[in-house]
Amino acid sequence: MPDPTPDAPPDTARDGRMSYAIFQLARAHRAHAAAMLRALNLHPGQELLLMQLFDHDHRTQADLLDHVGLDHSTVSKSLRRMQEAGLLTREPAPHDRRVMVVHLTDAGRALREPVAEMWRTLEEISVRDLSADQVEQFTAWARTVEKSLRDHSRQAPAGTPAE
């Protein structure tokens, strides 16, 4: 028998409705963003690295890693792909040859406005049915939830359930 309310969370998520809604929202948002990024010949996450470099070019890989919130292997793989695509270069730092410094190329810098436009469009699509006050409230709530999760992650080993 079909589920009469397809948007309802599964029974096992009944006590985690907000978490389930966040998961569904993040999945839908990421899928839409990924389609938009494909039009720019980018993979998800690469635009986050580019945005950091647009603001401050000539960053170390470690600095980028700290600022984008992605894991080391994802950043390394993304930077390698972006270098192969001609968007950036990586060179050893003069002070320490083990440290890699990332530089945008002209092709990478040329993506600044297309990436900004993509994010503007994604924002317009995402908030089209919300008032300006609702957008502000949602943003504040999302930051509060994110902070709570980060604080918990710092206090407890990974995988530790809340008490």
N, C-alpha and C. Protein backbone atom coordinates (compact mmCIF):
# COMPACT_ATOMS: atom_id res chain seq x y z
N MET A 1 0.84 -1.17 0.00
CA MET A 1 0.00 0.00 0.00
C MET A 1 0.90 1.25 0.00
N PRO A 2 0.67 2.21 -0.89
CA PRO A 2 1.52 3.39 -0.95
C PRO A 2 1.37 4.27 0.29
N ASP A 3 2.44 4.94 0.60
CA ASP A 3 2.46 5.87 1.74
C ASP A 3 1.56 7.06 1.41
N PRO A 4 0.56 7.36 2.25
CA PRO A 4 -0.35 8.46 1.95
C PRO A 4 0.32 9.84 2.03
N THR A 5 1.42 9.95 2.74
CA THR A 5 2.12 11.23 2.85
C THR A 5 3.59 11.03 2.49
N PRO A 6 3.93 11.12 1.19
CA PRO A 6 5.30 10.82 0.77
C PRO A 6 6.34 11.78 1.33
N ASP A 7 5.96 12.97 1.76
CA ASP A 7 6.92 13.91 2.32
C ASP A 7 7.20 13.66 3.80
N ALA A 8 6.42 12.79 4.42
CA ALA A 8 6.61 12.49 5.84
C ALA A 8 7.89 11.67 6.02
N PRO A 9 8.61 11.93 7.12
CA PRO A 9 9.82 11.12 7.36
C PRO A 9 9.44 9.69 7.70
N PRO A 10 10.37 8.76 7.51
CA PRO A 10 10.10 7.38 7.92
C PRO A 10 9.86 7.30 9.42
N ASP A 11 9.17 6.27 9.84
CA ASP A 11 8.85 6.12 11.26
C ASP A 11 10.10 6.16 12.14
N THR A 12 11.20 5.58 11.66
CA THR A 12 12.42 5.57 12.49
C THR A 12 13.01 6.96 12.67
N ALA A 13 12.61 7.93 11.87
CA ALA A 13 13.09 9.31 12.01
C ALA A 13 12.08 10.18 12.75
N ARG A 14 11.04 9.56 13.29
CA ARG A 14 9.97 10.30 13.97
C ARG A 14 10.51 11.21 15.08
N ASP A 15 11.49 10.72 15.82
CA ASP A 15 12.05 11.51 16.91
C ASP A 15 13.25 12.36 16.46
N GLY A 16 13.44 12.43 15.17
CA GLY A 16 14.52 13.25 14.61
C GLY A 16 14.03 13.98 13.38
N ARG A 17 12.83 14.52 13.47
CA ARG A 17 12.20 15.17 12.30
C ARG A 17 13.05 16.30 11.75
N MET A 18 13.59 17.14 12.63
CA MET A 18 14.38 18.26 12.14
C MET A 18 15.66 17.76 11.47
N SER A 19 16.32 16.79 12.08
CA SER A 19 17.54 16.25 11.48
C SER A 19 17.25 15.63 10.12
N TYR A 20 16.11 14.94 10.01
CA TYR A 20 15.73 14.36 8.73
C TYR A 20 15.46 15.46 7.70
N ALA A 21 14.79 16.51 8.13
CA ALA A 21 14.51 17.63 7.22
C ALA A 21 15.80 18.31 6.76
N ILE A 22 16.76 18.45 7.67
CA ILE A 22 18.06 19.03 7.30
C ILE A 22 18.75 18.15 6.27
N PHE A 23 18.72 16.84 6.50
CA PHE A 23 19.33 15.91 5.55
C PHE A 23 18.69 16.04 4.18
N GLN A 24 17.37 16.04 4.13
CA GLN A 24 16.66 16.15 2.85
C GLN A 24 16.96 17.48 2.17
N LEU A 25 16.97 18.55 2.95
CA LEU A 25 17.28 19.88 2.41
C LEU A 25 18.69 19.92 1.84
N ALA A 26 19.65 19.43 2.61
CA ALA A 26 21.05 19.45 2.16
C ALA A 26 21.22 18.63 0.89
N ARG A 27 20.56 17.49 0.83
CA ARG A 27 20.67 16.63 -0.35
C ARG A 27 20.09 17.31 -1.58
N ALA A 28 18.92 17.93 -1.44
CA ALA A 28 18.28 18.62 -2.58
C ALA A 28 19.11 19.83 -3.01
N HIS A 29 19.59 20.58 -2.04
CA HIS A 29 20.38 21.78 -2.34
C HIS A 29 21.68 21.40 -3.04
N ARG A 30 22.34 20.38 -2.52
CA ARG A 30 23.61 19.93 -3.12
C ARG A 30 23.39 19.42 -4.54
N ALA A 31 22.31 18.68 -4.77
CA ALA A 31 22.03 18.16 -6.11
C ALA A 31 21.80 19.30 -7.10
N HIS A 32 21.05 20.30 -6.68
CA HIS A 32 20.79 21.43 -7.57
C HIS A 32 22.08 22.21 -7.82
N ALA A 33 22.86 22.43 -6.77
CA ALA A 33 24.14 23.14 -6.92
C ALA A 33 25.07 22.35 -7.83
N ALA A 34 25.11 21.03 -7.70
CA ALA A 34 25.99 20.20 -8.53
C ALA A 34 25.64 20.34 -10.00
N ALA A 35 24.35 20.38 -10.31
CA ALA A 35 23.94 20.55 -11.71
C ALA A 35 24.39 21.91 -12.23
N MET A 36 24.27 22.93 -11.41
CA MET A 36 24.70 24.28 -11.82
C MET A 36 26.22 24.33 -11.99
N LEU A 37 26.94 23.65 -11.11
CA LEU A 37 28.40 23.62 -11.19
C LEU A 37 28.88 22.88 -12.43
N ARG A 38 28.16 21.81 -12.81
CA ARG A 38 28.54 21.08 -14.02
C ARG A 38 28.54 22.00 -15.23
N ALA A 39 27.63 22.96 -15.26
CA ALA A 39 27.58 23.92 -16.38
C ALA A 39 28.85 24.78 -16.42
N LEU A 40 29.54 24.89 -15.28
CA LEU A 40 30.80 25.65 -15.20
C LEU A 40 32.02 24.71 -15.29
N ASN A 41 31.76 23.44 -15.55
CA ASN A 41 32.81 22.41 -15.57
C ASN A 41 33.52 22.28 -14.23
N LEU A 42 32.75 22.40 -13.16
CA LEU A 42 33.28 22.25 -11.81
C LEU A 42 32.55 21.11 -11.10
N HIS A 43 33.23 20.54 -10.12
CA HIS A 43 32.64 19.52 -9.25
C HIS A 43 32.28 20.17 -7.92
N PRO A 44 31.27 19.66 -7.21
CA PRO A 44 30.92 20.23 -5.90
C PRO A 44 32.13 20.30 -4.98
N GLY A 45 32.27 21.41 -4.32
CA GLY A 45 33.40 21.65 -3.42
C GLY A 45 34.49 22.47 -4.08
N GLN A 46 34.64 22.33 -5.39
CA GLN A 46 35.67 23.11 -6.07
C GLN A 46 35.36 24.60 -6.03
N GLU A 47 34.07 24.93 -6.08
CA GLU A 47 33.71 26.35 -6.02
C GLU A 47 34.06 26.94 -4.65
N LEU A 48 34.00 26.13 -3.60
CA LEU A 48 34.37 26.62 -2.26
C LEU A 48 35.86 26.95 -2.20
N LEU A 49 36.67 26.10 -2.82
CA LEU A 49 38.11 26.38 -2.89
C LEU A 49 38.37 27.63 -3.72
N LEU A 50 37.69 27.74 -4.85
CA LEU A 50 37.86 28.92 -5.70
C LEU A 50 37.47 30.20 -4.94
N MET A 51 36.35 30.16 -4.22
CA MET A 51 35.90 31.34 -3.49
C MET A 51 36.95 31.79 -2.47
N GLN A 52 37.58 30.83 -1.80
CA GLN A 52 38.65 31.18 -0.86
C GLN A 52 39.83 31.82 -1.59
N LEU A 53 40.16 31.28 -2.74
CA LEU A 53 41.27 31.83 -3.52
C LEU A 53 40.91 33.17 -4.16
N PHE A 54 39.65 33.37 -4.52
CA PHE A 54 39.24 34.68 -5.05
C PHE A 54 39.48 35.76 -4.00
N ASP A 55 39.18 35.43 -2.74
CA ASP A 55 39.36 36.40 -1.64
C ASP A 55 40.83 36.59 -1.28
N HIS A 56 41.59 35.49 -1.27
CA HIS A 56 43.01 35.53 -0.88
C HIS A 56 43.77 34.50 -1.68
N ASP A 57 44.32 34.93 -2.80
CA ASP A 57 45.10 34.03 -3.64
C ASP A 57 46.43 33.72 -2.94
N HIS A 58 47.13 32.74 -3.41
CA HIS A 58 48.44 32.34 -2.88
C HIS A 58 48.33 31.80 -1.46
N ARG A 59 47.35 30.93 -1.23
CA ARG A 59 47.17 30.29 0.07
C ARG A 59 47.86 28.94 0.07
N THR A 60 48.20 28.51 1.26
CA THR A 60 48.74 27.16 1.37
C THR A 60 47.58 26.17 1.33
N GLN A 61 47.89 24.92 0.96
CA GLN A 61 46.86 23.89 0.97
C GLN A 61 46.29 23.72 2.37
N ALA A 62 47.12 23.81 3.39
CA ALA A 62 46.66 23.66 4.77
C ALA A 62 45.67 24.76 5.13
N ASP A 63 45.95 25.99 4.69
CA ASP A 63 45.05 27.11 4.96
C ASP A 63 43.71 26.89 4.26
N LEU A 64 43.75 26.45 3.02
CA LEU A 64 42.49 26.15 2.31
C LEU A 64 41.71 25.07 3.04
N LEU A 65 42.40 24.05 3.47
CA LEU A 65 41.77 22.95 4.20
C LEU A 65 41.04 23.47 5.44
N ASP A 66 41.68 24.37 6.18
CA ASP A 66 41.08 24.95 7.39
C ASP A 66 39.84 25.78 7.08
N HIS A 67 39.80 26.43 5.92
CA HIS A 67 38.73 27.36 5.61
C HIS A 67 37.53 26.77 4.89
N VAL A 68 37.67 25.63 4.24
CA VAL A 68 36.54 25.10 3.48
C VAL A 68 35.75 24.02 4.20
N GLY A 69 36.30 23.44 5.25
CA GLY A 69 35.55 22.44 6.01
C GLY A 69 35.41 21.11 5.29
N LEU A 70 36.31 20.82 4.37
CA LEU A 70 36.32 19.52 3.70
C LEU A 70 37.49 18.71 4.22
N ASP A 71 37.44 17.40 4.03
CA ASP A 71 38.54 16.58 4.52
C ASP A 71 39.76 16.69 3.60
N HIS A 72 40.90 16.27 4.13
CA HIS A 72 42.19 16.42 3.44
C HIS A 72 42.18 15.76 2.07
N SER A 73 41.69 14.53 1.99
CA SER A 73 41.73 13.82 0.71
C SER A 73 40.84 14.49 -0.34
N THR A 74 39.68 15.03 0.09
CA THR A 74 38.79 15.72 -0.85
C THR A 74 39.46 16.98 -1.38
N VAL A 75 40.10 17.75 -0.49
CA VAL A 75 40.78 18.97 -0.92
C VAL A 75 41.93 18.63 -1.86
N SER A 76 42.75 17.65 -1.51
CA SER A 76 43.87 17.26 -2.37
C SER A 76 43.40 16.82 -3.75
N LYS A 77 42.36 15.99 -3.78
CA LYS A 77 41.82 15.50 -5.05
C LYS A 77 41.24 16.66 -5.87
N SER A 78 40.51 17.55 -5.21
CA SER A 78 39.92 18.69 -5.91
C SER A 78 40.99 19.61 -6.48
N LEU A 79 42.02 19.90 -5.68
CA LEU A 79 43.09 20.76 -6.15
C LEU A 79 43.83 20.13 -7.33
N ARG A 80 44.05 18.82 -7.26
CA ARG A 80 44.71 18.13 -8.38
C ARG A 80 43.88 18.25 -9.65
N ARG A 81 42.58 18.00 -9.54
CA ARG A 81 41.68 18.12 -10.70
C ARG A 81 41.66 19.54 -11.24
N MET A 82 41.63 20.51 -10.34
CA MET A 82 41.59 21.91 -10.76
C MET A 82 42.90 22.33 -11.43
N GLN A 83 44.00 21.77 -10.94
CA GLN A 83 45.29 22.05 -11.56
C GLN A 83 45.33 21.44 -12.97
N GLU A 84 44.85 20.22 -13.09
CA GLU A 84 44.80 19.56 -14.40
C GLU A 84 43.91 20.31 -15.37
N ALA A 85 42.86 20.98 -14.85
CA ALA A 85 41.95 21.76 -15.69
C ALA A 85 42.50 23.15 -16.00
N GLY A 86 43.67 23.49 -15.43
CA GLY A 86 44.28 24.77 -15.71
C GLY A 86 43.73 25.94 -14.91
N LEU A 87 43.05 25.64 -13.79
CA LEU A 87 42.45 26.69 -12.97
C LEU A 87 43.40 27.23 -11.90
N LEU A 88 44.41 26.43 -11.55
CA LEU A 88 45.34 26.85 -10.51
C LEU A 88 46.67 26.14 -10.68
N THR A 89 47.65 26.64 -9.97
CA THR A 89 48.95 25.98 -9.90
C THR A 89 49.28 25.76 -8.43
N ARG A 90 50.12 24.78 -8.17
CA ARG A 90 50.61 24.53 -6.81
C ARG A 90 52.12 24.47 -6.87
N GLU A 91 52.76 25.22 -5.98
CA GLU A 91 54.21 25.27 -5.94
C GLU A 91 54.69 25.17 -4.50
N PRO A 92 55.85 24.59 -4.30
CA PRO A 92 56.40 24.56 -2.93
C PRO A 92 56.67 25.99 -2.44
N ALA A 93 56.42 26.21 -1.15
CA ALA A 93 56.67 27.52 -0.55
C ALA A 93 58.18 27.75 -0.45
N PRO A 94 58.61 28.99 -0.66
CA PRO A 94 60.04 29.28 -0.57
C PRO A 94 60.63 28.97 0.82
N HIS A 95 59.84 29.18 1.87
CA HIS A 95 60.33 28.99 3.24
C HIS A 95 60.35 27.52 3.68
N ASP A 96 59.54 26.67 2.99
CA ASP A 96 59.46 25.26 3.37
C ASP A 96 58.96 24.48 2.15
N ARG A 97 59.80 23.72 1.53
CA ARG A 97 59.47 23.01 0.29
C ARG A 97 58.38 21.96 0.50
N ARG A 98 58.09 21.60 1.74
CA ARG A 98 57.02 20.62 2.01
C ARG A 98 55.65 21.27 1.96
N VAL A 99 55.59 22.60 2.10
CA VAL A 99 54.34 23.35 2.10
C VAL A 99 54.01 23.75 0.67
N MET A 100 52.79 23.42 0.23
CA MET A 100 52.37 23.77 -1.12
C MET A 100 51.52 25.04 -1.09
N VAL A 101 51.87 25.99 -1.96
CA VAL A 101 51.12 27.24 -2.10
C VAL A 101 50.29 27.16 -3.37
N VAL A 102 49.03 27.53 -3.26
CA VAL A 102 48.09 27.43 -4.38
C VAL A 102 47.87 28.82 -4.97
N HIS A 103 47.96 28.90 -6.30
CA HIS A 103 47.80 30.16 -7.03
C HIS A 103 46.73 29.97 -8.11
N LEU A 104 45.85 30.93 -8.26
CA LEU A 104 44.89 30.90 -9.36
C LEU A 104 45.59 31.25 -10.66
N THR A 105 45.16 30.63 -11.74
CA THR A 105 45.61 31.02 -13.08
C THR A 105 44.60 32.04 -13.62
N ASP A 106 44.87 32.58 -14.79
CA ASP A 106 43.91 33.49 -15.42
C ASP A 106 42.57 32.78 -15.63
N ALA A 107 42.62 31.51 -16.02
CA ALA A 107 41.39 30.74 -16.22
C ALA A 107 40.62 30.59 -14.90
N GLY A 108 41.33 30.38 -13.82
CA GLY A 108 40.68 30.28 -12.51
C GLY A 108 40.06 31.60 -12.09
N ARG A 109 40.81 32.68 -12.26
CA ARG A 109 40.29 34.01 -11.91
C ARG A 109 39.06 34.37 -12.75
N ALA A 110 39.02 33.89 -13.99
CA ALA A 110 37.89 34.18 -14.87
C ALA A 110 36.58 33.56 -14.39
N LEU A 111 36.66 32.62 -13.46
CA LEU A 111 35.45 31.98 -12.94
C LEU A 111 34.82 32.76 -11.78
N ARG A 112 35.45 33.83 -11.36
CA ARG A 112 34.93 34.59 -10.21
C ARG A 112 33.47 35.02 -10.42
N GLU A 113 33.18 35.70 -11.49
CA GLU A 113 31.82 36.17 -11.71
C GLU A 113 30.86 35.03 -12.03
N PRO A 114 31.23 34.05 -12.85
CA PRO A 114 30.30 32.92 -13.06
C PRO A 114 29.97 32.16 -11.77
N VAL A 115 30.94 31.99 -10.88
CA VAL A 115 30.67 31.31 -9.60
C VAL A 115 29.76 32.19 -8.73
N ALA A 116 30.04 33.49 -8.69
CA ALA A 116 29.20 34.40 -7.91
C ALA A 116 27.77 34.40 -8.45
N GLU A 117 27.63 34.42 -9.77
CA GLU A 117 26.29 34.39 -10.39
C GLU A 117 25.58 33.07 -10.09
N MET A 118 26.31 31.98 -10.12
CA MET A 118 25.72 30.68 -9.79
C MET A 118 25.18 30.68 -8.37
N TRP A 119 25.95 31.22 -7.42
CA TRP A 119 25.49 31.28 -6.02
C TRP A 119 24.31 32.23 -5.86
N ARG A 120 24.30 33.35 -6.60
CA ARG A 120 23.14 34.26 -6.55
C ARG A 120 21.89 33.55 -7.04
N THR A 121 22.02 32.84 -8.15
CA THR A 121 20.88 32.13 -8.73
C THR A 121 20.40 31.02 -7.79
N LEU A 122 21.33 30.27 -7.23
CA LEU A 122 20.96 29.22 -6.28
C LEU A 122 20.22 29.80 -5.08
N GLU A 123 20.69 30.94 -4.61
CA GLU A 123 20.03 31.62 -3.48
C GLU A 123 18.61 32.05 -3.86
N GLU A 124 18.47 32.65 -5.04
CA GLU A 124 17.14 33.09 -5.49
C GLU A 124 16.17 31.91 -5.58
N ILE A 125 16.64 30.80 -6.13
CA ILE A 125 15.81 29.60 -6.24
C ILE A 125 15.46 29.08 -4.84
N SER A 126 16.43 29.05 -3.96
CA SER A 126 16.24 28.48 -2.63
C SER A 126 15.27 29.28 -1.77
N VAL A 127 15.26 30.59 -1.90
CA VAL A 127 14.46 31.43 -1.00
C VAL A 127 13.23 32.05 -1.66
N ARG A 128 12.92 31.61 -2.85
CA ARG A 128 11.86 32.28 -3.61
C ARG A 128 10.51 32.32 -2.90
N ASP A 129 10.23 31.37 -2.02
CA ASP A 129 8.96 31.35 -1.31
C ASP A 129 9.08 31.84 0.13
N LEU A 130 10.20 32.48 0.46
CA LEU A 130 10.43 32.97 1.83
C LEU A 130 10.52 34.50 1.82
N SER A 131 10.09 35.09 2.93
CA SER A 131 10.25 36.54 3.10
C SER A 131 11.70 36.82 3.52
N ALA A 132 12.09 38.07 3.45
CA ALA A 132 13.44 38.45 3.89
C ALA A 132 13.64 38.11 5.37
N ASP A 133 12.60 38.32 6.19
CA ASP A 133 12.70 37.99 7.61
C ASP A 133 12.86 36.47 7.81
N GLN A 134 12.14 35.68 7.04
CA GLN A 134 12.27 34.22 7.15
C GLN A 134 13.67 33.76 6.75
N VAL A 135 14.24 34.39 5.74
CA VAL A 135 15.60 34.04 5.32
C VAL A 135 16.58 34.35 6.45
N GLU A 136 16.43 35.51 7.07
CA GLU A 136 17.31 35.88 8.20
C GLU A 136 17.14 34.92 9.36
N GLN A 137 15.90 34.56 9.69
CA GLN A 137 15.65 33.63 10.78
C GLN A 137 16.24 32.26 10.47
N PHE A 138 15.99 31.77 9.27
CA PHE A 138 16.52 30.47 8.88
C PHE A 138 18.03 30.45 8.97
N THR A 139 18.67 31.50 8.46
CA THR A 139 20.13 31.58 8.49
C THR A 139 20.64 31.56 9.92
N ALA A 140 20.00 32.32 10.80
CA ALA A 140 20.40 32.34 12.21
C ALA A 140 20.21 30.96 12.84
N TRP A 141 19.08 30.33 12.58
CA TRP A 141 18.82 29.01 13.15
C TRP A 141 19.83 27.98 12.62
N ALA A 142 20.11 28.06 11.33
CA ALA A 142 21.07 27.11 10.74
C ALA A 142 22.44 27.27 11.40
N ARG A 143 22.86 28.51 11.64
CA ARG A 143 24.15 28.74 12.30
C ARG A 143 24.14 28.22 13.73
N THR A 144 23.01 28.36 14.41
CA THR A 144 22.89 27.86 15.77
C THR A 144 23.01 26.33 15.80
N VAL A 145 22.32 25.67 14.88
CA VAL A 145 22.39 24.21 14.81
C VAL A 145 23.81 23.78 14.45
N GLU A 146 24.42 24.45 13.48
CA GLU A 146 25.80 24.13 13.09
C GLU A 146 26.75 24.28 14.28
N LYS A 147 26.62 25.37 15.04
CA LYS A 147 27.48 25.59 16.20
C LYS A 147 27.28 24.48 17.23
N SER A 148 26.05 24.11 17.46
CA SER A 148 25.76 23.03 18.41
C SER A 148 26.45 21.73 17.98
N LEU A 149 26.37 21.43 16.70
CA LEU A 149 27.01 20.21 16.20
C LEU A 149 28.53 20.29 16.31
N ARG A 150 29.09 21.44 15.97
CA ARG A 150 30.55 21.61 16.07
C ARG A 150 31.01 21.51 17.53
N ASP A 151 30.27 22.16 18.42
CA ASP A 151 30.62 22.11 19.85
C ASP A 151 30.58 20.67 20.35
N HIS A 152 29.57 19.93 19.96
CA HIS A 152 29.45 18.54 20.40
C HIS A 152 30.59 17.71 19.84
N SER A 153 30.93 17.95 18.58
CA SER A 153 32.03 17.20 17.94
C SER A 153 33.35 17.43 18.66
N ARG A 154 33.56 18.63 19.14
CA ARG A 154 34.81 18.96 19.86
C ARG A 154 34.85 18.29 21.24
N GLN A 155 33.67 18.09 21.85
CA GLN A 155 33.59 17.57 23.21
C GLN A 155 33.59 16.06 23.26
N ALA A 156 33.05 15.41 22.24
CA ALA A 156 32.89 13.96 22.28
C ALA A 156 33.58 13.31 21.10
N PRO A 157 34.09 12.12 21.31
CA PRO A 157 34.68 11.39 20.18
C PRO A 157 33.62 11.15 19.10
N ALA A 158 34.06 11.04 17.86
CA ALA A 158 33.15 10.80 16.74
C ALA A 158 32.29 9.56 17.01
N GLY A 159 31.02 9.68 16.69
CA GLY A 159 30.11 8.55 16.85
C GLY A 159 29.51 8.42 18.22
N THR A 160 29.90 9.30 19.16
CA THR A 160 29.36 9.23 20.50
C THR A 160 27.95 9.80 20.49
N PRO A 161 26.96 9.02 20.92
CA PRO A 161 25.59 9.55 20.93
C PRO A 161 25.42 10.60 22.02
N ALA A 162 24.46 11.48 21.80
CA ALA A 162 24.14 12.50 22.80
C ALA A 162 23.55 11.82 24.03
N GLU A 163 23.79 12.41 25.17
CA GLU A 163 23.24 11.83 26.41
C GLU A 163 21.89 12.39 26.71
